[in-house]
Amino acid sequence: GRLRVYLQVSTGGEGSKSGVPPEGPDLAALAQHVAQKCAGGLELGGLMTIGRPDYTCTPEDFSCLSRCRAAVSTVVGVPEAQLELSMGMSSDFELAAEMGSTNVRVGTTIFGKR
């Protein structure tokens, strides 16, 4: 089978985190490349973001990722619901779920702080 991958979007614009900017052509181009040129080994599973550490803009970051999913679904020609959203961590996963997240990361809740 193919490996499902998520494209990381830099919704907060932080230099300390990697990811494709949400605006501009890069996200659409990367999504098209994965969906078309890598289809033999990869499946575009969705988008992910890591929120800002102070959580001051979490709703905006989550809304941004949702808008990105809508744009990517159009570009690659799949229903929006087919692309998952991975957003939310131990401290904000409930809000993330309310805002459409299909995957959350809760390692700190389970294992404690590193």
Protein backbone atom coordinates (compact mmCIF):
# COMPACT_ATOMS: atom_id res chain seq x y z
CA GLY A 1 0.00 0.00 0.00
CA ARG A 2 0.85 3.62 -0.20
CA LEU A 3 2.10 5.69 2.72
CA ARG A 4 -0.37 8.38 3.84
CA VAL A 5 1.33 11.73 4.30
CA TYR A 6 0.27 15.09 5.67
CA LEU A 7 1.62 18.37 4.36
CA GLN A 8 2.74 20.66 7.17
CA VAL A 9 1.46 24.22 6.84
CA SER A 10 3.09 27.04 8.77
CA THR A 11 -0.14 28.69 9.88
CA GLY A 12 1.58 30.80 12.55
CA GLY A 13 4.44 31.98 10.37
CA GLU A 14 6.99 31.13 13.06
CA GLY A 15 10.58 30.75 11.97
CA SER A 16 11.12 27.98 14.52
CA LYS A 17 8.65 25.67 12.77
CA SER A 18 8.85 24.18 9.32
CA GLY A 19 6.03 24.08 6.85
CA VAL A 20 4.68 25.50 3.65
CA PRO A 21 3.21 29.00 3.91
CA PRO A 22 -0.59 28.97 3.75
CA GLU A 23 -0.71 31.76 1.20
CA GLY A 24 0.96 31.79 -2.17
CA PRO A 25 1.49 29.02 -4.73
CA ASP A 26 3.76 26.66 -2.74
CA LEU A 27 1.06 24.69 -0.93
CA ALA A 28 -0.98 24.07 -4.07
CA ALA A 29 2.15 23.09 -6.01
CA LEU A 30 3.32 20.69 -3.29
CA ALA A 31 -0.13 19.11 -2.98
CA GLN A 32 -0.31 18.61 -6.75
CA HIS A 33 3.17 17.13 -6.81
CA VAL A 34 2.41 14.61 -4.06
CA ALA A 35 -1.01 13.71 -5.50
CA GLN A 36 0.19 13.30 -9.07
CA LYS A 37 3.93 12.61 -9.19
CA CYS A 38 4.20 10.53 -6.00
CA ALA A 39 0.93 8.61 -6.29
CA GLY A 40 2.74 5.30 -6.68
CA GLY A 41 4.13 5.39 -3.16
CA LEU A 42 2.41 8.24 -1.33
CA GLU A 43 -1.18 9.19 -0.67
CA LEU A 44 -2.03 12.77 0.24
CA GLY A 45 -3.83 12.18 3.53
CA GLY A 46 -4.33 15.75 4.61
CA LEU A 47 -2.75 18.80 6.20
CA MET A 48 -1.17 19.42 9.57
CA THR A 49 -0.06 22.37 11.64
CA ILE A 50 1.67 22.89 14.95
CA GLY A 51 0.14 25.79 16.83
CA ARG A 52 2.05 28.59 18.44
CA PRO A 53 3.46 27.75 21.86
CA ASP A 54 1.53 30.49 23.64
CA TYR A 55 -1.79 29.40 22.05
CA THR A 56 -2.79 33.04 21.59
CA CYS A 57 -3.78 32.50 17.97
CA THR A 58 -4.91 28.88 18.02
CA PRO A 59 -8.40 29.55 16.60
CA GLU A 60 -6.92 31.57 13.76
CA ASP A 61 -4.33 28.88 13.04
CA PHE A 62 -7.02 26.20 12.95
CA SER A 63 -9.28 28.31 10.72
CA CYS A 64 -6.33 28.94 8.41
CA LEU A 65 -5.66 25.21 8.06
CA SER A 66 -9.33 24.58 7.28
CA ARG A 67 -9.21 27.18 4.52
CA CYS A 68 -6.04 25.56 3.18
CA ARG A 69 -7.80 22.19 3.05
CA ALA A 70 -10.62 23.68 0.98
CA ALA A 71 -8.12 25.14 -1.48
CA VAL A 72 -6.03 21.96 -1.69
CA SER A 73 -9.09 19.78 -2.26
CA THR A 74 -10.01 21.91 -5.26
CA VAL A 75 -6.47 21.81 -6.66
CA VAL A 76 -6.09 18.03 -6.38
CA GLY A 77 -9.71 17.27 -7.28
CA VAL A 78 -10.82 15.37 -4.18
CA PRO A 79 -13.70 16.01 -1.80
CA GLU A 80 -12.67 18.23 1.10
CA ALA A 81 -13.73 15.56 3.62
CA GLN A 82 -11.21 13.15 2.07
CA LEU A 83 -8.33 15.31 3.35
CA GLU A 84 -7.81 15.05 7.09
CA LEU A 85 -6.74 17.87 9.39
CA SER A 86 -4.09 17.19 12.02
CA MET A 87 -4.19 20.10 14.43
CA GLY A 88 -4.34 20.37 18.18
CA MET A 89 -2.16 19.09 20.95
CA SER A 90 -2.59 18.25 24.63
CA SER A 91 -3.53 21.77 25.68
CA ASP A 92 -5.93 22.64 22.87
CA PHE A 93 -7.20 19.38 21.37
CA GLU A 94 -10.82 20.01 22.40
CA LEU A 95 -10.93 23.30 20.50
CA ALA A 96 -9.18 21.64 17.58
CA ALA A 97 -11.81 18.90 17.47
CA GLU A 98 -14.59 21.50 17.57
CA MET A 99 -12.94 23.26 14.63
CA GLY A 100 -12.69 20.14 12.47
CA SER A 101 -9.51 18.33 13.46
CA THR A 102 -9.51 14.64 12.60
CA ASN A 103 -6.17 13.92 14.33
CA VAL A 104 -4.71 15.36 17.52
CA ARG A 105 -1.37 14.88 19.25
CA VAL A 106 -1.64 14.36 23.01
CA GLY A 107 1.78 12.99 23.96
CA THR A 108 2.29 15.48 26.80
CA THR A 109 -0.99 14.40 28.39
CA ILE A 110 0.05 10.76 28.22
CA PHE A 111 3.80 10.94 28.87
CA GLY A 112 4.25 14.29 30.59
CA LYS A 113 6.56 17.14 29.63
CA ARG A 114 9.95 16.30 28.19
